[in-house]
């Protein structure tokens, strides 16, 4: 009777060890997936940073171009002169 009890105990312990083994494999796979996901997110963040810098540069170029095309007076005195000319007409 004691032999059967010991066999059951050994099989139970072997089952627990097998369960832990497969759980460790699962955790390793989960860790690999998380690392892969983090790597993808980092690459995406770098790409978005690059796109943001390009957009800011294009925005500044367009702003400078629009200011140049508008022909805005460069000083406050010139603005006042233009205002006086407009009022006289």
N, C-alpha and C. Protein backbone atom coordinates (compact mmCIF):
# COMPACT_ATOMS: atom_id res chain seq x y z
N UNK A 1 0.82 -1.19 0.00
CA UNK A 1 0.00 0.00 0.00
C UNK A 1 0.87 1.26 0.00
N UNK A 2 1.92 1.22 0.75
CA UNK A 2 2.83 2.36 0.82
C UNK A 2 3.51 2.57 -0.53
N UNK A 3 3.76 1.48 -1.25
CA UNK A 3 4.39 1.57 -2.57
C UNK A 3 3.47 2.33 -3.53
N UNK A 4 2.18 2.05 -3.49
CA UNK A 4 1.23 2.74 -4.34
C UNK A 4 1.16 4.24 -4.00
N UNK A 5 1.22 4.53 -2.74
CA UNK A 5 1.21 5.91 -2.29
C UNK A 5 2.44 6.64 -2.80
N UNK A 6 3.60 6.00 -2.71
CA UNK A 6 4.84 6.61 -3.20
C UNK A 6 4.82 6.77 -4.72
N UNK A 7 4.25 5.81 -5.43
CA UNK A 7 4.14 5.92 -6.89
C UNK A 7 3.24 7.11 -7.25
N UNK A 8 2.12 7.23 -6.56
CA UNK A 8 1.22 8.36 -6.82
C UNK A 8 1.90 9.70 -6.51
N UNK A 9 2.65 9.74 -5.43
CA UNK A 9 3.37 10.94 -5.05
C UNK A 9 4.42 11.30 -6.11
N UNK A 10 5.16 10.30 -6.58
CA UNK A 10 6.17 10.54 -7.62
C UNK A 10 5.53 11.03 -8.92
N UNK A 11 4.43 10.40 -9.30
CA UNK A 11 3.75 10.83 -10.52
C UNK A 11 3.19 12.24 -10.38
N UNK A 12 2.68 12.56 -9.20
CA UNK A 12 2.17 13.92 -8.97
C UNK A 12 3.30 14.94 -9.07
N UNK A 13 4.44 14.63 -8.44
CA UNK A 13 5.59 15.54 -8.50
C UNK A 13 6.13 15.67 -9.92
N UNK A 14 6.13 14.56 -10.66
CA UNK A 14 6.57 14.62 -12.06
C UNK A 14 5.61 15.47 -12.89
N UNK A 15 4.32 15.35 -12.62
CA UNK A 15 3.33 16.17 -13.31
C UNK A 15 3.51 17.65 -13.01
N UNK A 16 3.78 17.97 -11.75
CA UNK A 16 4.01 19.36 -11.37
C UNK A 16 5.28 19.89 -12.04
N UNK A 17 6.34 19.08 -12.07
CA UNK A 17 7.59 19.49 -12.73
C UNK A 17 7.35 19.71 -14.22
N UNK A 18 6.57 18.84 -14.86
CA UNK A 18 6.26 19.01 -16.29
C UNK A 18 5.45 20.27 -16.53
N UNK A 19 4.50 20.54 -15.65
CA UNK A 19 3.69 21.75 -15.77
C UNK A 19 4.57 22.99 -15.65
N UNK A 20 5.50 22.99 -14.70
CA UNK A 20 6.42 24.11 -14.54
C UNK A 20 7.32 24.27 -15.76
N UNK A 21 7.75 23.16 -16.33
CA UNK A 21 8.61 23.20 -17.50
C UNK A 21 7.89 23.86 -18.67
N UNK A 22 6.65 23.43 -18.93
CA UNK A 22 5.89 24.00 -20.04
C UNK A 22 5.52 25.46 -19.76
N UNK A 23 5.32 25.81 -18.49
CA UNK A 23 5.03 27.19 -18.14
C UNK A 23 6.26 28.07 -18.39
N UNK A 24 7.44 27.56 -18.11
CA UNK A 24 8.68 28.30 -18.38
C UNK A 24 8.86 28.51 -19.89
N UNK A 25 8.55 27.49 -20.67
CA UNK A 25 8.63 27.64 -22.13
C UNK A 25 7.66 28.72 -22.60
N UNK A 26 6.46 28.72 -22.04
CA UNK A 26 5.46 29.73 -22.38
C UNK A 26 5.97 31.13 -22.03
N UNK A 27 6.57 31.28 -20.85
CA UNK A 27 7.07 32.58 -20.43
C UNK A 27 8.21 33.06 -21.33
N UNK A 28 9.06 32.15 -21.77
CA UNK A 28 10.15 32.52 -22.68
C UNK A 28 9.59 33.00 -24.02
N UNK A 29 8.59 32.31 -24.54
CA UNK A 29 7.97 32.74 -25.80
C UNK A 29 7.31 34.11 -25.64
N UNK A 30 6.67 34.32 -24.51
CA UNK A 30 6.03 35.60 -24.23
C UNK A 30 7.06 36.71 -24.17
N UNK A 31 8.19 36.44 -23.55
CA UNK A 31 9.27 37.42 -23.45
C UNK A 31 9.84 37.75 -24.84
N UNK A 32 10.00 36.75 -25.68
CA UNK A 32 10.50 36.98 -27.04
C UNK A 32 9.52 37.85 -27.83
N UNK A 33 8.21 37.58 -27.68
CA UNK A 33 7.21 38.38 -28.37
C UNK A 33 7.23 39.83 -27.89
N UNK A 34 7.39 40.01 -26.57
CA UNK A 34 7.43 41.36 -26.03
C UNK A 34 8.67 42.11 -26.52
N UNK A 35 9.81 41.44 -26.58
CA UNK A 35 11.02 42.09 -27.09
C UNK A 35 10.85 42.48 -28.55
N UNK A 36 10.24 41.59 -29.34
CA UNK A 36 10.00 41.88 -30.75
C UNK A 36 9.06 43.07 -30.89
N UNK A 37 8.02 43.11 -30.06
CA UNK A 37 7.06 44.21 -30.10
C UNK A 37 7.72 45.52 -29.70
N UNK A 38 8.56 45.48 -28.67
CA UNK A 38 9.28 46.69 -28.23
C UNK A 38 10.21 47.18 -29.34
N UNK A 39 10.89 46.26 -30.00
CA UNK A 39 11.77 46.63 -31.11
C UNK A 39 10.99 47.30 -32.23
N UNK A 40 9.81 46.76 -32.55
CA UNK A 40 8.97 47.35 -33.58
C UNK A 40 8.49 48.74 -33.17
N UNK A 41 8.12 48.90 -31.90
CA UNK A 41 7.68 50.20 -31.42
C UNK A 41 8.81 51.22 -31.46
N UNK A 42 10.03 50.81 -31.11
CA UNK A 42 11.17 51.71 -31.17
C UNK A 42 11.44 52.14 -32.62
N UNK A 43 11.36 51.19 -33.55
CA UNK A 43 11.56 51.53 -34.95
C UNK A 43 10.48 52.50 -35.44
N UNK A 44 9.26 52.26 -35.01
CA UNK A 44 8.16 53.14 -35.39
C UNK A 44 8.36 54.53 -34.81
N UNK A 45 8.83 54.60 -33.56
CA UNK A 45 9.07 55.89 -32.93
C UNK A 45 10.17 56.65 -33.66
N UNK A 46 11.22 55.95 -34.07
CA UNK A 46 12.29 56.60 -34.83
C UNK A 46 11.77 57.13 -36.16
N UNK A 47 10.94 56.32 -36.84
CA UNK A 47 10.38 56.75 -38.12
C UNK A 47 9.48 57.96 -37.94
N UNK A 48 8.66 57.94 -36.88
CA UNK A 48 7.76 59.07 -36.63
C UNK A 48 8.55 60.33 -36.26
N UNK A 49 9.65 60.17 -35.50
CA UNK A 49 10.50 61.32 -35.19
C UNK A 49 11.08 61.91 -36.45
N UNK A 50 11.54 61.06 -37.34
CA UNK A 50 12.12 61.52 -38.60
C UNK A 50 11.06 62.26 -39.43
N UNK A 51 9.84 61.70 -39.49
CA UNK A 51 8.76 62.35 -40.22
C UNK A 51 8.39 63.70 -39.59
N UNK A 52 8.40 63.75 -38.25
CA UNK A 52 8.08 65.00 -37.56
C UNK A 52 9.12 66.07 -37.86
N UNK A 53 10.40 65.69 -37.85
CA UNK A 53 11.46 66.65 -38.17
C UNK A 53 11.31 67.15 -39.61
N UNK A 54 11.01 66.25 -40.53
CA UNK A 54 10.81 66.65 -41.92
C UNK A 54 9.62 67.59 -42.05
N UNK A 55 8.55 67.29 -41.32
CA UNK A 55 7.35 68.14 -41.39
C UNK A 55 7.64 69.52 -40.81
N UNK A 56 8.39 69.57 -39.70
CA UNK A 56 8.75 70.86 -39.12
C UNK A 56 9.62 71.66 -40.08
N UNK A 57 10.55 70.97 -40.73
CA UNK A 57 11.42 71.66 -41.68
C UNK A 57 10.60 72.20 -42.85
N UNK A 58 9.71 71.37 -43.39
CA UNK A 58 8.87 71.82 -44.50
C UNK A 58 7.97 72.97 -44.09
N UNK A 59 7.47 72.92 -42.86
CA UNK A 59 6.63 73.99 -42.36
C UNK A 59 7.42 75.30 -42.26
N UNK A 60 8.64 75.22 -41.76
CA UNK A 60 9.44 76.44 -41.66
C UNK A 60 9.80 76.98 -43.04
N UNK A 61 10.09 76.09 -43.98
CA UNK A 61 10.39 76.53 -45.35
C UNK A 61 9.16 77.20 -45.96
N UNK A 62 7.99 76.60 -45.78
CA UNK A 62 6.76 77.17 -46.34
C UNK A 62 6.43 78.50 -45.68
N UNK A 63 6.68 78.62 -44.37
CA UNK A 63 6.43 79.88 -43.68
C UNK A 63 7.34 80.97 -44.23
N UNK A 64 8.62 80.65 -44.40
CA UNK A 64 9.55 81.63 -44.96
C UNK A 64 9.16 82.01 -46.38
N UNK A 65 8.75 81.03 -47.15
CA UNK A 65 8.34 81.30 -48.53
C UNK A 65 7.10 82.18 -48.57
N UNK A 66 6.13 81.89 -47.72
CA UNK A 66 4.91 82.69 -47.71
C UNK A 66 5.20 84.11 -47.25
N UNK A 67 6.10 84.28 -46.29
CA UNK A 67 6.47 85.63 -45.85
C UNK A 67 7.17 86.38 -46.97
N UNK A 68 8.00 85.67 -47.70
CA UNK A 68 8.70 86.29 -48.82
C UNK A 68 7.72 86.68 -49.91
N UNK A 69 6.77 85.82 -50.23
CA UNK A 69 5.81 86.10 -51.30
C UNK A 69 4.82 87.20 -50.92
N UNK A 70 4.48 87.28 -49.65
CA UNK A 70 3.54 88.31 -49.21
C UNK A 70 4.16 89.70 -49.30
N UNK A 71 5.47 89.75 -49.22
CA UNK A 71 6.15 91.04 -49.30
C UNK A 71 5.87 91.91 -48.10
N UNK A 72 5.83 91.32 -46.95
CA UNK A 72 5.57 92.06 -45.74
C UNK A 72 6.67 93.07 -45.49
N UNK A 73 6.33 94.26 -45.05
CA UNK A 73 7.36 95.24 -44.70
C UNK A 73 8.24 94.69 -43.59
N UNK A 74 9.50 95.08 -43.64
CA UNK A 74 10.43 94.50 -42.69
C UNK A 74 10.46 95.26 -41.38
N UNK A 75 10.06 96.51 -41.37
CA UNK A 75 10.12 97.27 -40.12
C UNK A 75 8.76 97.89 -39.83
N UNK A 76 8.62 98.39 -38.63
CA UNK A 76 7.36 99.02 -38.20
C UNK A 76 7.15 100.34 -38.93
N UNK A 77 8.22 101.05 -39.21
CA UNK A 77 8.10 102.34 -39.92
C UNK A 77 7.52 102.13 -41.31
N UNK A 78 7.99 101.10 -42.00
CA UNK A 78 7.47 100.84 -43.34
C UNK A 78 6.00 100.46 -43.28
N UNK A 79 5.60 99.80 -42.24
CA UNK A 79 4.18 99.45 -42.09
C UNK A 79 3.34 100.70 -41.91
N UNK A 80 3.85 101.66 -41.13
CA UNK A 80 3.11 102.91 -40.92
C UNK A 80 3.01 103.70 -42.23
N UNK A 81 4.08 103.70 -43.00
CA UNK A 81 4.06 104.41 -44.28
C UNK A 81 2.99 103.81 -45.19
N UNK A 82 2.93 102.50 -45.24
CA UNK A 82 1.93 101.84 -46.08
C UNK A 82 0.52 102.16 -45.58
N UNK A 83 0.36 102.21 -44.26
CA UNK A 83 -0.96 102.53 -43.72
C UNK A 83 -1.36 103.94 -44.10
N UNK A 84 -0.40 104.90 -44.06
CA UNK A 84 -0.70 106.28 -44.45
C UNK A 84 -1.06 106.36 -45.92
N UNK A 85 -0.34 105.60 -46.76
CA UNK A 85 -0.63 105.62 -48.19
C UNK A 85 -2.02 105.07 -48.48
N UNK A 86 -2.40 104.05 -47.78
CA UNK A 86 -3.71 103.46 -48.00
C UNK A 86 -4.80 104.43 -47.55
N UNK A 87 -4.60 105.14 -46.44
CA UNK A 87 -5.59 106.08 -45.95
C UNK A 87 -5.74 107.27 -46.90
N UNK A 88 -4.64 107.71 -47.52
CA UNK A 88 -4.71 108.87 -48.42
C UNK A 88 -5.51 108.54 -49.68
N UNK A 89 -5.51 107.35 -50.10
CA UNK A 89 -6.23 107.00 -51.32
C UNK A 89 -7.65 106.83 -50.98
